[in-house]
Amino acid sequence: MALLNLLFVLVAAVVSFALAGYGFARLAERGVWRGDPDALLRGLGALFGAVAAGLCAWGLLIVVGAVLTAEDGGTDSAPPQSCRTAGWWERHQRGVEIVDHSVSYLPLGFVCETSDGGSYDNGDVPGYLNPALLGFALAGAGCAISAGYVSEVRARRQHRDRAGEAQ
């Protein structure tokens, strides 16, 4: 499980760098200086996507650390150390044991499962990470969709102008 999560971290980091390179190249090439709105929107969309992928990689790296700590298997490994949050001892005193753990990808988090059928997030992933990830991903998608719309409007206008010249 930890190796699969590390693969996800690697993929997210590569995507982040690729999108950042594309975004900066698009902005430097035509977007900012010539006032080309679709190039500007594509560049900004790529940069927002790069930030979202970077946040995803960071969150996954935090989750991988929690998984590695939980699956350590040495002395003092039951219950998993990643699940020992504030209040876990009080639950233990009431007879509720930590029986398993899992990874939540949407939203990012490390989830500890209890013997009474409940579960809780251990809080390793900062509370602002998931909303920021969602915000940057939506902003990137919005810019990409807007760039497509601007390109379509420009193409239709050019086609209409050419058809008007031909008559």
C-alpha atoms as a PDB file:
ATOM      1  CA  MET A   1       0.000   0.000   0.000  1.00  0.00           C
ATOM      2  CA  ALA A   2       2.774   2.428   0.872  1.00  0.00           C
ATOM      3  CA  LEU A   3       4.590   1.742  -2.408  1.00  0.00           C
ATOM      4  CA  LEU A   4       1.431   2.419  -4.394  1.00  0.00           C
ATOM      5  CA  ASN A   5       0.976   5.693  -2.534  1.00  0.00           C
ATOM      6  CA  LEU A   6       4.611   6.601  -3.249  1.00  0.00           C
ATOM      7  CA  LEU A   7       3.920   5.971  -6.935  1.00  0.00           C
ATOM      8  CA  PHE A   8       0.966   8.370  -6.704  1.00  0.00           C
ATOM      9  CA  VAL A   9       3.243  10.961  -5.083  1.00  0.00           C
ATOM     10  CA  LEU A  10       5.760  10.586  -7.904  1.00  0.00           C
ATOM     11  CA  VAL A  11       3.092  10.884 -10.601  1.00  0.00           C
ATOM     12  CA  ALA A  12       1.554  13.960  -8.951  1.00  0.00           C
ATOM     13  CA  ALA A  13       4.968  15.617  -8.626  1.00  0.00           C
ATOM     14  CA  VAL A  14       5.829  14.946 -12.288  1.00  0.00           C
ATOM     15  CA  VAL A  15       2.429  16.279 -13.394  1.00  0.00           C
ATOM     16  CA  SER A  16       2.952  19.364 -11.245  1.00  0.00           C
ATOM     17  CA  PHE A  17       6.330  20.146 -12.819  1.00  0.00           C
ATOM     18  CA  ALA A  18       5.053  19.424 -16.329  1.00  0.00           C
ATOM     19  CA  LEU A  19       2.036  21.701 -15.910  1.00  0.00           C
ATOM     20  CA  ALA A  20       4.194  24.441 -14.394  1.00  0.00           C
ATOM     21  CA  GLY A  21       6.601  24.255 -17.320  1.00  0.00           C
ATOM     22  CA  TYR A  22       3.750  24.365 -19.835  1.00  0.00           C
ATOM     23  CA  GLY A  23       2.029  27.212 -18.012  1.00  0.00           C
ATOM     24  CA  PHE A  24       5.117  29.410 -17.735  1.00  0.00           C
ATOM     25  CA  ALA A  25       6.062  28.687 -21.352  1.00  0.00           C
ATOM     26  CA  ARG A  26       2.555  29.559 -22.554  1.00  0.00           C
ATOM     27  CA  LEU A  27       2.552  32.807 -20.587  1.00  0.00           C
ATOM     28  CA  ALA A  28       6.052  33.783 -21.693  1.00  0.00           C
ATOM     29  CA  GLU A  29       5.436  32.898 -25.330  1.00  0.00           C
ATOM     30  CA  ARG A  30       2.225  34.744 -26.102  1.00  0.00           C
ATOM     31  CA  GLY A  31      -0.070  35.206 -23.162  1.00  0.00           C
ATOM     32  CA  VAL A  32       1.112  38.125 -21.080  1.00  0.00           C
ATOM     33  CA  TRP A  33       2.904  40.294 -23.615  1.00  0.00           C
ATOM     34  CA  ARG A  34       0.577  40.102 -26.616  1.00  0.00           C
ATOM     35  CA  GLY A  35      -2.658  40.096 -24.698  1.00  0.00           C
ATOM     36  CA  ASP A  36      -3.785  36.793 -26.243  1.00  0.00           C
ATOM     37  CA  PRO A  37      -6.693  35.830 -23.929  1.00  0.00           C
ATOM     38  CA  ASP A  38      -6.845  32.121 -24.755  1.00  0.00           C
ATOM     39  CA  ALA A  39      -3.080  31.701 -24.275  1.00  0.00           C
ATOM     40  CA  LEU A  40      -3.296  33.619 -21.005  1.00  0.00           C
ATOM     41  CA  LEU A  41      -6.169  31.429 -19.804  1.00  0.00           C
ATOM     42  CA  ARG A  42      -4.362  28.237 -20.843  1.00  0.00           C
ATOM     43  CA  GLY A  43      -1.209  29.334 -19.038  1.00  0.00           C
ATOM     44  CA  LEU A  44      -3.068  30.291 -15.879  1.00  0.00           C
ATOM     45  CA  GLY A  45      -5.082  27.070 -16.017  1.00  0.00           C
ATOM     46  CA  ALA A  46      -1.883  25.053 -16.265  1.00  0.00           C
ATOM     47  CA  LEU A  47      -0.332  26.938 -13.340  1.00  0.00           C
ATOM     48  CA  PHE A  48      -3.445  26.422 -11.199  1.00  0.00           C
ATOM     49  CA  GLY A  49      -3.343  22.741 -12.138  1.00  0.00           C
ATOM     50  CA  ALA A  50       0.344  22.597 -11.211  1.00  0.00           C
ATOM     51  CA  VAL A  51      -0.403  24.002  -7.757  1.00  0.00           C
ATOM     52  CA  ALA A  52      -3.269  21.500  -7.334  1.00  0.00           C
ATOM     53  CA  ALA A  53      -1.028  18.592  -8.353  1.00  0.00           C
ATOM     54  CA  GLY A  54       1.695  19.840  -6.003  1.00  0.00           C
ATOM     55  CA  LEU A  55      -0.771  20.036  -3.117  1.00  0.00           C
ATOM     56  CA  CYS A  56      -1.953  16.534  -3.974  1.00  0.00           C
ATOM     57  CA  ALA A  57       1.635  15.242  -3.925  1.00  0.00           C
ATOM     58  CA  TRP A  58       2.270  16.937  -0.598  1.00  0.00           C
ATOM     59  CA  GLY A  59      -0.901  15.504   0.961  1.00  0.00           C
ATOM     60  CA  LEU A  60      -0.126  12.033  -0.378  1.00  0.00           C
ATOM     61  CA  LEU A  61       3.379  12.266   1.058  1.00  0.00           C
ATOM     62  CA  ILE A  62       1.883  13.056   4.473  1.00  0.00           C
ATOM     63  CA  VAL A  63      -0.464  10.077   4.134  1.00  0.00           C
ATOM     64  CA  VAL A  64       2.437   7.808   3.117  1.00  0.00           C
ATOM     65  CA  GLY A  65       4.257   8.851   6.287  1.00  0.00           C
ATOM     66  CA  ALA A  66       1.213   7.962   8.376  1.00  0.00           C
ATOM     67  CA  VAL A  67       0.878   4.588   6.617  1.00  0.00           C
ATOM     68  CA  LEU A  68       4.550   3.763   7.158  1.00  0.00           C
ATOM     69  CA  THR A  69       4.264   4.696  10.825  1.00  0.00           C
ATOM     70  CA  ALA A  70       1.100   2.614  11.236  1.00  0.00           C
ATOM     71  CA  GLU A  71       2.592  -0.448   9.532  1.00  0.00           C
ATOM     72  CA  ASP A  72       5.878  -0.308  11.421  1.00  0.00           C
ATOM     73  CA  GLY A  73       5.081  -3.538  13.269  1.00  0.00           C
ATOM     74  CA  GLY A  74       7.606  -3.224  16.043  1.00  0.00           C
ATOM     75  CA  THR A  75       7.213  -2.875  19.761  1.00  0.00           C
ATOM     76  CA  ASP A  76       4.452  -0.447  20.711  1.00  0.00           C
ATOM     77  CA  SER A  77       2.695  -0.898  17.371  1.00  0.00           C
ATOM     78  CA  ALA A  78      -0.788  -1.770  18.620  1.00  0.00           C
ATOM     79  CA  PRO A  79      -2.795   0.352  18.252  1.00  0.00           C
ATOM     80  CA  PRO A  80      -1.026   1.980  15.296  1.00  0.00           C
ATOM     81  CA  GLN A  81       0.863   5.087  16.335  1.00  0.00           C
ATOM     82  CA  SER A  82      -0.749   7.107  13.551  1.00  0.00           C
ATOM     83  CA  CYS A  83      -4.155   6.471  15.156  1.00  0.00           C
ATOM     84  CA  ARG A  84      -3.123   7.689  18.606  1.00  0.00           C
ATOM     85  CA  THR A  85      -4.745  11.066  18.495  1.00  0.00           C
ATOM     86  CA  ALA A  86      -6.109  13.171  21.320  1.00  0.00           C
ATOM     87  CA  GLY A  87      -8.830  11.170  23.034  1.00  0.00           C
ATOM     88  CA  TRP A  88      -7.885   7.709  21.797  1.00  0.00           C
ATOM     89  CA  TRP A  89      -7.076   6.562  25.331  1.00  0.00           C
ATOM     90  CA  GLU A  90     -10.525   7.605  26.591  1.00  0.00           C
ATOM     91  CA  ARG A  91     -12.146   5.558  23.801  1.00  0.00           C
ATOM     92  CA  HIS A  92      -9.901   2.634  24.732  1.00  0.00           C
ATOM     93  CA  GLN A  93     -11.034   2.879  28.370  1.00  0.00           C
ATOM     94  CA  ARG A  94     -14.666   2.578  27.195  1.00  0.00           C
ATOM     95  CA  GLY A  95     -13.825  -0.653  25.345  1.00  0.00           C
ATOM     96  CA  VAL A  96     -13.533   0.793  21.839  1.00  0.00           C
ATOM     97  CA  GLU A  97     -10.433  -0.574  20.124  1.00  0.00           C
ATOM     98  CA  ILE A  98      -8.690   0.587  16.947  1.00  0.00           C
ATOM     99  CA  VAL A  99      -8.988  -2.383  14.614  1.00  0.00           C
ATOM    100  CA  ASP A 100      -7.743  -1.153  11.232  1.00  0.00           C
ATOM    101  CA  HIS A 101      -6.727   1.835   9.184  1.00  0.00           C
ATOM    102  CA  SER A 102      -7.214   2.952   5.596  1.00  0.00           C
ATOM    103  CA  VAL A 103      -6.331   5.778   3.259  1.00  0.00           C
ATOM    104  CA  SER A 104      -8.942   8.192   1.984  1.00  0.00           C
ATOM    105  CA  TYR A 105      -8.065   9.745  -1.374  1.00  0.00           C
ATOM    106  CA  LEU A 106     -11.079  12.055  -1.680  1.00  0.00           C
ATOM    107  CA  PRO A 107     -10.623  13.951   0.599  1.00  0.00           C
ATOM    108  CA  LEU A 108      -7.021  13.121   1.393  1.00  0.00           C
ATOM    109  CA  GLY A 109      -6.638  11.612   4.831  1.00  0.00           C
ATOM    110  CA  PHE A 110      -5.592   8.702   7.000  1.00  0.00           C
ATOM    111  CA  VAL A 111      -8.666   7.021   8.500  1.00  0.00           C
ATOM    112  CA  CYS A 112      -8.587   4.891  11.650  1.00  0.00           C
ATOM    113  CA  GLU A 113     -11.401   2.348  12.052  1.00  0.00           C
ATOM    114  CA  THR A 114     -12.731   1.353  15.465  1.00  0.00           C
ATOM    115  CA  SER A 115     -14.307  -1.818  16.834  1.00  0.00           C
ATOM    116  CA  ASP A 116     -17.714  -0.163  17.244  1.00  0.00           C
ATOM    117  CA  GLY A 117     -17.983   0.365  13.467  1.00  0.00           C
ATOM    118  CA  GLY A 118     -16.927   3.999  13.555  1.00  0.00           C
ATOM    119  CA  SER A 119     -13.972   5.708  11.990  1.00  0.00           C
ATOM    120  CA  TYR A 120     -12.094   8.968  12.356  1.00  0.00           C
ATOM    121  CA  ASP A 121      -9.456  10.928  10.491  1.00  0.00           C
ATOM    122  CA  ASN A 122      -6.237  11.159  12.460  1.00  0.00           C
ATOM    123  CA  GLY A 123      -5.654  14.784  11.440  1.00  0.00           C
ATOM    124  CA  ASP A 124      -2.182  14.413   9.912  1.00  0.00           C
ATOM    125  CA  VAL A 125      -3.291  16.102   6.682  1.00  0.00           C
ATOM    126  CA  PRO A 126      -3.714  19.831   7.439  1.00  0.00           C
ATOM    127  CA  GLY A 127      -7.299  21.040   7.362  1.00  0.00           C
ATOM    128  CA  TYR A 128      -6.625  23.655   4.686  1.00  0.00           C
ATOM    129  CA  LEU A 129      -5.045  21.249   2.193  1.00  0.00           C
ATOM    130  CA  ASN A 130      -8.203  19.609   0.809  1.00  0.00           C
ATOM    131  CA  PRO A 131     -10.131  22.883   0.275  1.00  0.00           C
ATOM    132  CA  ALA A 132      -7.072  24.486  -1.335  1.00  0.00           C
ATOM    133  CA  LEU A 133      -6.627  21.445  -3.568  1.00  0.00           C
ATOM    134  CA  LEU A 134     -10.264  21.653  -4.650  1.00  0.00           C
ATOM    135  CA  GLY A 135     -10.069  25.411  -5.218  1.00  0.00           C
ATOM    136  CA  PHE A 136      -6.961  25.279  -7.387  1.00  0.00           C
ATOM    137  CA  ALA A 137      -8.282  22.289  -9.348  1.00  0.00           C
ATOM    138  CA  LEU A 138     -11.579  24.080 -10.057  1.00  0.00           C
ATOM    139  CA  ALA A 139      -9.785  27.293 -10.980  1.00  0.00           C
ATOM    140  CA  GLY A 140      -7.533  25.386 -13.385  1.00  0.00           C
ATOM    141  CA  ALA A 141     -10.479  23.593 -14.964  1.00  0.00           C
ATOM    142  CA  GLY A 142     -12.392  26.860 -15.230  1.00  0.00           C
ATOM    143  CA  CYS A 143      -9.482  28.563 -16.983  1.00  0.00           C
ATOM    144  CA  ALA A 144      -9.054  25.636 -19.380  1.00  0.00           C
ATOM    145  CA  ILE A 145     -12.766  25.607 -20.249  1.00  0.00           C
ATOM    146  CA  SER A 146     -12.763  29.389 -20.658  1.00  0.00           C
ATOM    147  CA  ALA A 147      -9.746  29.185 -22.975  1.00  0.00           C
ATOM    148  CA  GLY A 148     -11.603  26.681 -25.152  1.00  0.00           C
ATOM    149  CA  TYR A 149     -14.637  28.956 -25.244  1.00  0.00           C
ATOM    150  CA  VAL A 150     -12.552  32.011 -26.198  1.00  0.00           C
ATOM    151  CA  SER A 151     -10.848  30.009 -28.979  1.00  0.00           C
ATOM    152  CA  GLU A 152     -14.220  28.824 -30.282  1.00  0.00           C
ATOM    153  CA  VAL A 153     -15.662  32.336 -30.320  1.00  0.00           C
ATOM    154  CA  ARG A 154     -12.582  33.622 -32.162  1.00  0.00           C
ATOM    155  CA  ALA A 155     -12.755  30.807 -34.734  1.00  0.00           C
ATOM    156  CA  ARG A 156     -16.467  31.435 -35.376  1.00  0.00           C
ATOM    157  CA  ARG A 157     -15.854  35.166 -35.774  1.00  0.00           C
ATOM    158  CA  GLN A 158     -13.037  34.528 -38.272  1.00  0.00           C
ATOM    159  CA  HIS A 159     -15.214  32.083 -40.208  1.00  0.00           C
ATOM    160  CA  ARG A 160     -18.082  34.587 -40.319  1.00  0.00           C
ATOM    161  CA  ASP A 161     -15.705  37.346 -41.476  1.00  0.00           C
ATOM    162  CA  ARG A 162     -14.288  35.143 -44.256  1.00  0.00           C
ATOM    163  CA  ALA A 163     -17.780  34.143 -45.378  1.00  0.00           C
ATOM    164  CA  GLY A 164     -18.779  37.814 -45.483  1.00  0.00           C
ATOM    165  CA  GLU A 165     -15.706  38.696 -47.614  1.00  0.00           C
ATOM    166  CA  ALA A 166     -16.440  35.901 -50.085  1.00  0.00           C
ATOM    167  CA  GLN A 167     -19.902  37.327 -50.891  1.00  0.00           C
END
